[in-house]
Amino acid sequence: MATLYTDLIVADCETGNHESDLHVRDTPRAREIIKAHKPAGTDGWCVQQFTSAIDGTPWLDIAFAYDPWWAARGVKVAP
C-alpha cells in the first residue's frame, strides 16, 4: 500500500504543504483517499479544513503527512 501523500498524487489531487503538514484541495476524491488511509488504531488523521487565501477554495490540512518533508530529514515514510 502506498502512503496517503503518494495516493493523492497518483489520483491527481491538487496538493501543497506547510512544513510537514500536507495540504490538499477539499474534494470528494481527496476525502475518500484520506478515509482509506486511516492510521491503524486511531480515530483517523488530524484533518482541518481551511479556506485558501489565494483563491477562496476549501482545502484540507493533514498534520504530519507531507512525505517529502520527512524524507529530506532522513525519516523513512511508511504506508
N, C-alpha and C. Protein backbone atom coordinates (compact mmCIF):
# COMPACT_ATOMS: atom_id res chain seq x y z
N MET A 1 0.84 -1.18 0.00
CA MET A 1 0.00 0.00 0.00
C MET A 1 0.89 1.25 0.00
N ALA A 2 0.51 2.23 -0.77
CA ALA A 2 1.25 3.49 -0.83
C ALA A 2 0.88 4.38 0.35
N THR A 3 1.57 5.47 0.49
CA THR A 3 1.26 6.43 1.55
C THR A 3 0.08 7.30 1.13
N LEU A 4 -0.47 8.01 2.08
CA LEU A 4 -1.55 8.95 1.80
C LEU A 4 -1.09 9.96 0.75
N TYR A 5 0.08 10.53 0.94
CA TYR A 5 0.62 11.52 0.01
C TYR A 5 0.73 10.96 -1.41
N THR A 6 1.33 9.79 -1.56
CA THR A 6 1.52 9.24 -2.90
C THR A 6 0.19 8.89 -3.56
N ASP A 7 -0.77 8.39 -2.79
CA ASP A 7 -2.07 8.09 -3.39
C ASP A 7 -2.79 9.35 -3.83
N LEU A 8 -2.65 10.45 -3.10
CA LEU A 8 -3.25 11.72 -3.53
C LEU A 8 -2.60 12.22 -4.82
N ILE A 9 -1.28 12.06 -4.92
CA ILE A 9 -0.56 12.48 -6.12
C ILE A 9 -0.99 11.64 -7.32
N VAL A 10 -1.04 10.33 -7.15
CA VAL A 10 -1.45 9.42 -8.23
C VAL A 10 -2.88 9.74 -8.69
N ALA A 11 -3.73 10.13 -7.76
CA ALA A 11 -5.12 10.46 -8.09
C ALA A 11 -5.25 11.87 -8.69
N ASP A 12 -4.11 12.53 -8.87
CA ASP A 12 -4.07 13.88 -9.45
C ASP A 12 -4.82 14.91 -8.62
N CYS A 13 -4.78 14.73 -7.30
CA CYS A 13 -5.36 15.72 -6.39
C CYS A 13 -4.37 16.88 -6.27
N GLU A 14 -4.88 18.07 -6.19
CA GLU A 14 -4.03 19.26 -6.05
C GLU A 14 -3.52 19.32 -4.61
N THR A 15 -2.20 19.35 -4.46
CA THR A 15 -1.60 19.33 -3.13
C THR A 15 -0.64 20.49 -2.93
N GLY A 16 -0.32 20.71 -1.69
CA GLY A 16 0.68 21.68 -1.27
C GLY A 16 1.12 21.28 0.13
N ASN A 17 1.82 22.16 0.79
CA ASN A 17 2.23 21.84 2.15
C ASN A 17 2.62 23.09 2.91
N HIS A 18 2.68 22.92 4.22
CA HIS A 18 3.32 23.88 5.12
C HIS A 18 4.14 23.02 6.06
N GLU A 19 5.46 23.11 5.87
CA GLU A 19 6.38 22.26 6.63
C GLU A 19 5.95 20.80 6.46
N SER A 20 5.70 20.07 7.55
CA SER A 20 5.36 18.65 7.43
C SER A 20 3.87 18.39 7.22
N ASP A 21 3.07 19.45 7.24
CA ASP A 21 1.62 19.28 7.04
C ASP A 21 1.30 19.27 5.55
N LEU A 22 0.52 18.28 5.16
CA LEU A 22 0.08 18.13 3.78
C LEU A 22 -1.20 18.93 3.57
N HIS A 23 -1.26 19.67 2.49
CA HIS A 23 -2.47 20.38 2.10
C HIS A 23 -3.00 19.76 0.81
N VAL A 24 -4.31 19.57 0.76
CA VAL A 24 -4.95 19.03 -0.45
C VAL A 24 -6.27 19.76 -0.64
N ARG A 25 -6.56 20.09 -1.91
CA ARG A 25 -7.84 20.73 -2.19
C ARG A 25 -8.95 19.79 -1.74
N ASP A 26 -9.94 20.33 -1.05
CA ASP A 26 -11.04 19.54 -0.49
C ASP A 26 -11.99 19.13 -1.60
N THR A 27 -11.91 17.86 -1.98
CA THR A 27 -12.79 17.27 -2.99
C THR A 27 -13.30 15.94 -2.47
N PRO A 28 -14.39 15.42 -3.04
CA PRO A 28 -14.86 14.10 -2.61
C PRO A 28 -13.78 13.02 -2.78
N ARG A 29 -13.03 13.08 -3.87
CA ARG A 29 -11.97 12.07 -4.12
C ARG A 29 -10.88 12.16 -3.06
N ALA A 30 -10.46 13.37 -2.72
CA ALA A 30 -9.43 13.53 -1.69
C ALA A 30 -9.92 12.98 -0.36
N ARG A 31 -11.15 13.28 0.00
CA ARG A 31 -11.70 12.77 1.27
C ARG A 31 -11.79 11.24 1.28
N GLU A 32 -12.13 10.68 0.14
CA GLU A 32 -12.20 9.22 0.01
C GLU A 32 -10.82 8.59 0.25
N ILE A 33 -9.79 9.17 -0.32
CA ILE A 33 -8.42 8.65 -0.15
C ILE A 33 -7.97 8.81 1.28
N ILE A 34 -8.25 9.95 1.89
CA ILE A 34 -7.87 10.18 3.29
C ILE A 34 -8.53 9.14 4.18
N LYS A 35 -9.81 8.90 3.96
CA LYS A 35 -10.55 7.91 4.76
C LYS A 35 -9.95 6.51 4.59
N ALA A 36 -9.54 6.17 3.37
CA ALA A 36 -8.97 4.85 3.10
C ALA A 36 -7.61 4.65 3.77
N HIS A 37 -6.96 5.74 4.13
CA HIS A 37 -5.63 5.67 4.75
C HIS A 37 -5.66 5.91 6.25
N LYS A 38 -6.79 5.70 6.88
CA LYS A 38 -6.89 5.90 8.32
C LYS A 38 -5.81 5.08 9.03
N PRO A 39 -4.95 5.75 9.81
CA PRO A 39 -3.90 5.01 10.51
C PRO A 39 -4.49 3.98 11.48
N ALA A 40 -3.91 2.79 11.50
CA ALA A 40 -4.39 1.71 12.36
C ALA A 40 -4.39 2.14 13.82
N GLY A 41 -5.43 1.75 14.54
CA GLY A 41 -5.51 2.01 15.96
C GLY A 41 -5.80 3.46 16.32
N THR A 42 -6.30 4.24 15.36
CA THR A 42 -6.60 5.65 15.62
C THR A 42 -8.01 5.98 15.17
N ASP A 43 -8.45 7.18 15.50
CA ASP A 43 -9.73 7.67 15.01
C ASP A 43 -9.60 8.26 13.61
N GLY A 44 -8.38 8.33 13.10
CA GLY A 44 -8.14 8.87 11.77
C GLY A 44 -7.08 9.96 11.81
N TRP A 45 -6.86 10.58 10.67
CA TRP A 45 -5.88 11.65 10.55
C TRP A 45 -6.37 12.89 11.28
N CYS A 46 -5.46 13.74 11.66
CA CYS A 46 -5.79 15.05 12.20
C CYS A 46 -5.97 15.97 10.98
N VAL A 47 -7.23 16.19 10.60
CA VAL A 47 -7.55 16.94 9.39
C VAL A 47 -8.37 18.17 9.77
N GLN A 48 -7.95 19.31 9.24
CA GLN A 48 -8.72 20.55 9.44
C GLN A 48 -8.95 21.22 8.10
N GLN A 49 -10.16 21.70 7.90
CA GLN A 49 -10.45 22.42 6.67
C GLN A 49 -10.05 23.88 6.83
N PHE A 50 -9.56 24.48 5.75
CA PHE A 50 -9.27 25.90 5.74
C PHE A 50 -9.61 26.46 4.36
N THR A 51 -9.71 27.77 4.28
CA THR A 51 -10.01 28.44 3.02
C THR A 51 -8.72 29.04 2.47
N SER A 52 -8.43 28.74 1.21
CA SER A 52 -7.24 29.26 0.55
C SER A 52 -7.29 30.78 0.49
N ALA A 53 -6.22 31.42 0.93
CA ALA A 53 -6.11 32.88 0.84
C ALA A 53 -5.86 33.31 -0.60
N ILE A 54 -5.47 32.37 -1.46
CA ILE A 54 -5.17 32.68 -2.86
C ILE A 54 -6.44 32.75 -3.70
N ASP A 55 -7.28 31.72 -3.59
CA ASP A 55 -8.45 31.69 -4.47
C ASP A 55 -9.78 31.44 -3.74
N GLY A 56 -9.77 31.38 -2.43
CA GLY A 56 -11.00 31.22 -1.66
C GLY A 56 -11.63 29.85 -1.66
N THR A 57 -10.91 28.84 -2.19
CA THR A 57 -11.46 27.48 -2.24
C THR A 57 -11.14 26.72 -0.95
N PRO A 58 -11.94 25.70 -0.62
CA PRO A 58 -11.68 24.91 0.58
C PRO A 58 -10.55 23.89 0.37
N TRP A 59 -9.68 23.82 1.34
CA TRP A 59 -8.57 22.88 1.35
C TRP A 59 -8.57 22.14 2.68
N LEU A 60 -7.82 21.03 2.73
CA LEU A 60 -7.66 20.26 3.95
C LEU A 60 -6.20 20.28 4.38
N ASP A 61 -5.97 20.46 5.66
CA ASP A 61 -4.64 20.40 6.25
C ASP A 61 -4.56 19.08 7.01
N ILE A 62 -3.59 18.24 6.62
CA ILE A 62 -3.43 16.93 7.25
C ILE A 62 -2.08 16.93 7.97
N ALA A 63 -2.14 16.94 9.28
CA ALA A 63 -0.94 17.09 10.10
C ALA A 63 0.06 15.97 9.85
N PHE A 64 1.31 16.37 9.63
CA PHE A 64 2.48 15.47 9.54
C PHE A 64 2.45 14.49 8.37
N ALA A 65 1.67 14.74 7.32
CA ALA A 65 1.51 13.77 6.24
C ALA A 65 2.24 14.12 4.95
N TYR A 66 3.09 15.15 4.95
CA TYR A 66 3.79 15.54 3.72
C TYR A 66 5.11 14.77 3.64
N ASP A 67 5.13 13.69 2.90
CA ASP A 67 6.28 12.77 2.81
C ASP A 67 7.61 13.45 2.46
N PRO A 68 7.66 14.36 1.48
CA PRO A 68 8.96 14.94 1.12
C PRO A 68 9.65 15.68 2.29
N TRP A 69 8.88 16.27 3.17
CA TRP A 69 9.47 16.95 4.33
C TRP A 69 10.21 15.94 5.20
N TRP A 70 9.57 14.80 5.43
CA TRP A 70 10.19 13.75 6.26
C TRP A 70 11.39 13.13 5.56
N ALA A 71 11.25 12.86 4.26
CA ALA A 71 12.35 12.24 3.50
C ALA A 71 13.58 13.13 3.50
N ALA A 72 13.40 14.45 3.43
CA ALA A 72 14.53 15.38 3.44
C ALA A 72 15.29 15.35 4.77
N ARG A 73 14.66 14.81 5.79
CA ARG A 73 15.28 14.71 7.10
C ARG A 73 15.73 13.29 7.43
N GLY A 74 15.70 12.42 6.43
CA GLY A 74 16.17 11.06 6.60
C GLY A 74 15.22 10.14 7.34
N VAL A 75 13.95 10.54 7.43
CA VAL A 75 12.96 9.70 8.12
C VAL A 75 12.27 8.83 7.08
N LYS A 76 12.26 7.51 7.34
CA LYS A 76 11.59 6.59 6.43
C LYS A 76 10.08 6.75 6.57
N VAL A 77 9.42 6.93 5.44
CA VAL A 77 7.97 7.11 5.44
C VAL A 77 7.34 5.76 5.17
N ALA A 78 6.52 5.31 6.11
CA ALA A 78 5.86 4.01 5.98
C ALA A 78 4.41 4.21 5.57
N PRO A 79 3.89 3.33 4.74
CA PRO A 79 2.47 3.42 4.37
C PRO A 79 1.56 3.09 5.53
